[in-house]
Amino acid sequence: MNNLSHKIRKFNRFELKYLITLKQAEQFKTVLRAYLIPRRTQQ
């Protein structure tokens, strides 16, 4: 593991980014809704 990678993982804050199509994003949003709970207090 190189030095930078080790430091990032030690800090435990890193992002993984993916490129997906618009169709895949829409499908993901549809599936994700099943796992989300809406807030009861909306302002």
PDB file of N, CA and C in Angstrom:
ATOM      1  N   MET A   1       0.860  -1.180   0.000  1.00  0.00           N
ATOM      2  CA  MET A   1       0.000   0.000   0.000  1.00  0.00           C
ATOM      3  C   MET A   1       0.896   1.229   0.000  1.00  0.00           C
ATOM      4  N   ASN A   2       0.637   2.148  -0.930  1.00  0.00           N
ATOM      5  CA  ASN A   2       1.497   3.325  -0.955  1.00  0.00           C
ATOM      6  C   ASN A   2       1.178   4.258   0.207  1.00  0.00           C
ATOM      7  N   ASN A   3       2.047   5.193   0.458  1.00  0.00           N
ATOM      8  CA  ASN A   3       1.961   6.063   1.619  1.00  0.00           C
ATOM      9  C   ASN A   3       0.657   6.862   1.653  1.00  0.00           C
ATOM     10  N   LEU A   4       0.271   7.470   0.524  1.00  0.00           N
ATOM     11  CA  LEU A   4      -0.955   8.275   0.479  1.00  0.00           C
ATOM     12  C   LEU A   4      -2.184   7.414   0.753  1.00  0.00           C
ATOM     13  N   SER A   5      -2.263   6.264   0.120  1.00  0.00           N
ATOM     14  CA  SER A   5      -3.392   5.362   0.330  1.00  0.00           C
ATOM     15  C   SER A   5      -3.492   4.952   1.796  1.00  0.00           C
ATOM     16  N   HIS A   6      -2.358   4.668   2.414  1.00  0.00           N
ATOM     17  CA  HIS A   6      -2.335   4.286   3.830  1.00  0.00           C
ATOM     18  C   HIS A   6      -2.858   5.430   4.702  1.00  0.00           C
ATOM     19  N   LYS A   7      -2.442   6.651   4.412  1.00  0.00           N
ATOM     20  CA  LYS A   7      -2.886   7.805   5.197  1.00  0.00           C
ATOM     21  C   LYS A   7      -4.388   8.021   5.046  1.00  0.00           C
ATOM     22  N   ILE A   8      -4.891   7.889   3.828  1.00  0.00           N
ATOM     23  CA  ILE A   8      -6.326   8.081   3.597  1.00  0.00           C
ATOM     24  C   ILE A   8      -7.127   7.040   4.358  1.00  0.00           C
ATOM     25  N   ARG A   9      -6.730   5.802   4.278  1.00  0.00           N
ATOM     26  CA  ARG A   9      -7.461   4.742   4.973  1.00  0.00           C
ATOM     27  C   ARG A   9      -7.325   4.871   6.489  1.00  0.00           C
ATOM     28  N   LYS A  10      -6.189   5.327   6.959  1.00  0.00           N
ATOM     29  CA  LYS A  10      -5.996   5.534   8.394  1.00  0.00           C
ATOM     30  C   LYS A  10      -6.926   6.641   8.881  1.00  0.00           C
ATOM     31  N   PHE A  11      -7.055   7.706   8.097  1.00  0.00           N
ATOM     32  CA  PHE A  11      -7.952   8.807   8.434  1.00  0.00           C
ATOM     33  C   PHE A  11      -9.406   8.362   8.321  1.00  0.00           C
ATOM     34  N   ASN A  12      -9.652   7.332   7.514  1.00  0.00           N
ATOM     35  CA  ASN A  12     -10.977   6.733   7.336  1.00  0.00           C
ATOM     36  C   ASN A  12     -11.992   7.701   6.736  1.00  0.00           C
ATOM     37  N   ARG A  13     -11.531   8.498   5.805  1.00  0.00           N
ATOM     38  CA  ARG A  13     -12.454   9.385   5.103  1.00  0.00           C
ATOM     39  C   ARG A  13     -12.045   9.420   3.635  1.00  0.00           C
ATOM     40  N   PHE A  14     -12.742   8.654   2.849  1.00  0.00           N
ATOM     41  CA  PHE A  14     -12.475   8.645   1.427  1.00  0.00           C
ATOM     42  C   PHE A  14     -13.768   8.352   0.695  1.00  0.00           C
ATOM     43  N   GLU A  15     -13.825   8.710  -0.553  1.00  0.00           N
ATOM     44  CA  GLU A  15     -15.028   8.535  -1.361  1.00  0.00           C
ATOM     45  C   GLU A  15     -14.741   7.613  -2.532  1.00  0.00           C
ATOM     46  N   LEU A  16     -15.734   6.819  -2.864  1.00  0.00           N
ATOM     47  CA  LEU A  16     -15.681   6.024  -4.078  1.00  0.00           C
ATOM     48  C   LEU A  16     -16.732   6.605  -5.022  1.00  0.00           C
ATOM     49  N   LYS A  17     -16.352   6.918  -6.218  1.00  0.00           N
ATOM     50  CA  LYS A  17     -17.274   7.516  -7.178  1.00  0.00           C
ATOM     51  C   LYS A  17     -17.432   6.583  -8.366  1.00  0.00           C
ATOM     52  N   TYR A  18     -18.627   6.545  -8.886  1.00  0.00           N
ATOM     53  CA  TYR A  18     -18.931   5.672 -10.006  1.00  0.00           C
ATOM     54  C   TYR A  18     -19.610   6.467 -11.114  1.00  0.00           C
ATOM     55  N   LEU A  19     -19.323   6.140 -12.340  1.00  0.00           N
ATOM     56  CA  LEU A  19     -20.008   6.727 -13.478  1.00  0.00           C
ATOM     57  C   LEU A  19     -21.103   5.755 -13.906  1.00  0.00           C
ATOM     58  N   ILE A  20     -22.334   6.237 -13.930  1.00  0.00           N
ATOM     59  CA  ILE A  20     -23.461   5.404 -14.342  1.00  0.00           C
ATOM     60  C   ILE A  20     -24.304   6.186 -15.327  1.00  0.00           C
ATOM     61  N   THR A  21     -25.114   5.478 -16.064  1.00  0.00           N
ATOM     62  CA  THR A  21     -25.982   6.124 -17.042  1.00  0.00           C
ATOM     63  C   THR A  21     -27.178   6.742 -16.330  1.00  0.00           C
ATOM     64  N   LEU A  22     -27.892   7.606 -17.023  1.00  0.00           N
ATOM     65  CA  LEU A  22     -29.090   8.224 -16.466  1.00  0.00           C
ATOM     66  C   LEU A  22     -30.136   7.162 -16.138  1.00  0.00           C
ATOM     67  N   LYS A  23     -30.262   6.163 -16.988  1.00  0.00           N
ATOM     68  CA  LYS A  23     -31.208   5.071 -16.738  1.00  0.00           C
ATOM     69  C   LYS A  23     -30.836   4.318 -15.457  1.00  0.00           C
ATOM     70  N   GLN A  24     -29.562   4.033 -15.281  1.00  0.00           N
ATOM     71  CA  GLN A  24     -29.117   3.348 -14.069  1.00  0.00           C
ATOM     72  C   GLN A  24     -29.383   4.196 -12.827  1.00  0.00           C
ATOM     73  N   ALA A  25     -29.186   5.503 -12.934  1.00  0.00           N
ATOM     74  CA  ALA A  25     -29.442   6.401 -11.806  1.00  0.00           C
ATOM     75  C   ALA A  25     -30.917   6.394 -11.431  1.00  0.00           C
ATOM     76  N   GLU A  26     -31.779   6.416 -12.418  1.00  0.00           N
ATOM     77  CA  GLU A  26     -33.222   6.377 -12.151  1.00  0.00           C
ATOM     78  C   GLU A  26     -33.611   5.051 -11.496  1.00  0.00           C
ATOM     79  N   GLN A  27     -33.050   3.959 -11.964  1.00  0.00           N
ATOM     80  CA  GLN A  27     -33.327   2.650 -11.366  1.00  0.00           C
ATOM     81  C   GLN A  27     -32.823   2.604  -9.924  1.00  0.00           C
ATOM     82  N   PHE A  28     -31.658   3.171  -9.696  1.00  0.00           N
ATOM     83  CA  PHE A  28     -31.088   3.203  -8.352  1.00  0.00           C
ATOM     84  C   PHE A  28     -31.991   3.999  -7.409  1.00  0.00           C
ATOM     85  N   LYS A  29     -32.467   5.154  -7.851  1.00  0.00           N
ATOM     86  CA  LYS A  29     -33.354   5.971  -7.024  1.00  0.00           C
ATOM     87  C   LYS A  29     -34.625   5.214  -6.670  1.00  0.00           C
ATOM     88  N   THR A  30     -35.164   4.469  -7.623  1.00  0.00           N
ATOM     89  CA  THR A  30     -36.380   3.696  -7.382  1.00  0.00           C
ATOM     90  C   THR A  30     -36.145   2.628  -6.323  1.00  0.00           C
ATOM     91  N   VAL A  31     -35.052   1.900  -6.442  1.00  0.00           N
ATOM     92  CA  VAL A  31     -34.727   0.843  -5.480  1.00  0.00           C
ATOM     93  C   VAL A  31     -34.406   1.436  -4.110  1.00  0.00           C
ATOM     94  N   LEU A  32     -33.696   2.551  -4.098  1.00  0.00           N
ATOM     95  CA  LEU A  32     -33.275   3.185  -2.844  1.00  0.00           C
ATOM     96  C   LEU A  32     -34.463   3.632  -1.992  1.00  0.00           C
ATOM     97  N   ARG A  33     -35.537   4.045  -2.634  1.00  0.00           N
ATOM     98  CA  ARG A  33     -36.727   4.512  -1.889  1.00  0.00           C
ATOM     99  C   ARG A  33     -37.234   3.479  -0.889  1.00  0.00           C
ATOM    100  N   ALA A  34     -37.078   2.216  -1.179  1.00  0.00           N
ATOM    101  CA  ALA A  34     -37.538   1.150  -0.281  1.00  0.00           C
ATOM    102  C   ALA A  34     -36.760   1.142   1.034  1.00  0.00           C
ATOM    103  N   TYR A  35     -35.577   1.746   1.044  1.00  0.00           N
ATOM    104  CA  TYR A  35     -34.721   1.734   2.234  1.00  0.00           C
ATOM    105  C   TYR A  35     -34.740   3.051   3.003  1.00  0.00           C
ATOM    106  N   LEU A  36     -35.476   4.038   2.515  1.00  0.00           N
ATOM    107  CA  LEU A  36     -35.504   5.355   3.149  1.00  0.00           C
ATOM    108  C   LEU A  36     -36.787   5.563   3.932  1.00  0.00           C
ATOM    109  N   ILE A  37     -36.673   6.249   5.035  1.00  0.00           N
ATOM    110  CA  ILE A  37     -37.834   6.573   5.863  1.00  0.00           C
ATOM    111  C   ILE A  37     -38.006   8.086   5.826  1.00  0.00           C
ATOM    112  N   PRO A  38     -39.139   8.571   5.342  1.00  0.00           N
ATOM    113  CA  PRO A  38     -39.339  10.028   5.286  1.00  0.00           C
ATOM    114  C   PRO A  38     -39.450  10.635   6.677  1.00  0.00           C
ATOM    115  N   ARG A  39     -38.998  11.869   6.807  1.00  0.00           N
ATOM    116  CA  ARG A  39     -39.138  12.581   8.073  1.00  0.00           C
ATOM    117  C   ARG A  39     -40.596  12.915   8.315  1.00  0.00           C
ATOM    118  N   ARG A  40     -40.998  12.852   9.565  1.00  0.00           N
ATOM    119  CA  ARG A  40     -42.379  13.209   9.903  1.00  0.00           C
ATOM    120  C   ARG A  40     -42.554  14.712   9.990  1.00  0.00           C
ATOM    121  N   THR A  41     -41.504  15.436  10.349  1.00  0.00           N
ATOM    122  CA  THR A  41     -41.600  16.877  10.495  1.00  0.00           C
ATOM    123  C   THR A  41     -40.973  17.557   9.282  1.00  0.00           C
ATOM    124  N   GLN A  42     -41.802  17.918   8.357  1.00  0.00           N
ATOM    125  CA  GLN A  42     -41.363  18.645   7.172  1.00  0.00           C
ATOM    126  C   GLN A  42     -41.732  20.114   7.356  1.00  0.00           C
ATOM    127  N   GLN A  43     -40.802  21.004   7.084  1.00  0.00           N
ATOM    128  CA  GLN A  43     -41.084  22.444   7.234  1.00  0.00           C
ATOM    129  C   GLN A  43     -41.211  23.092   5.906  1.00  0.00           C
TER     130      GLN A  43
END
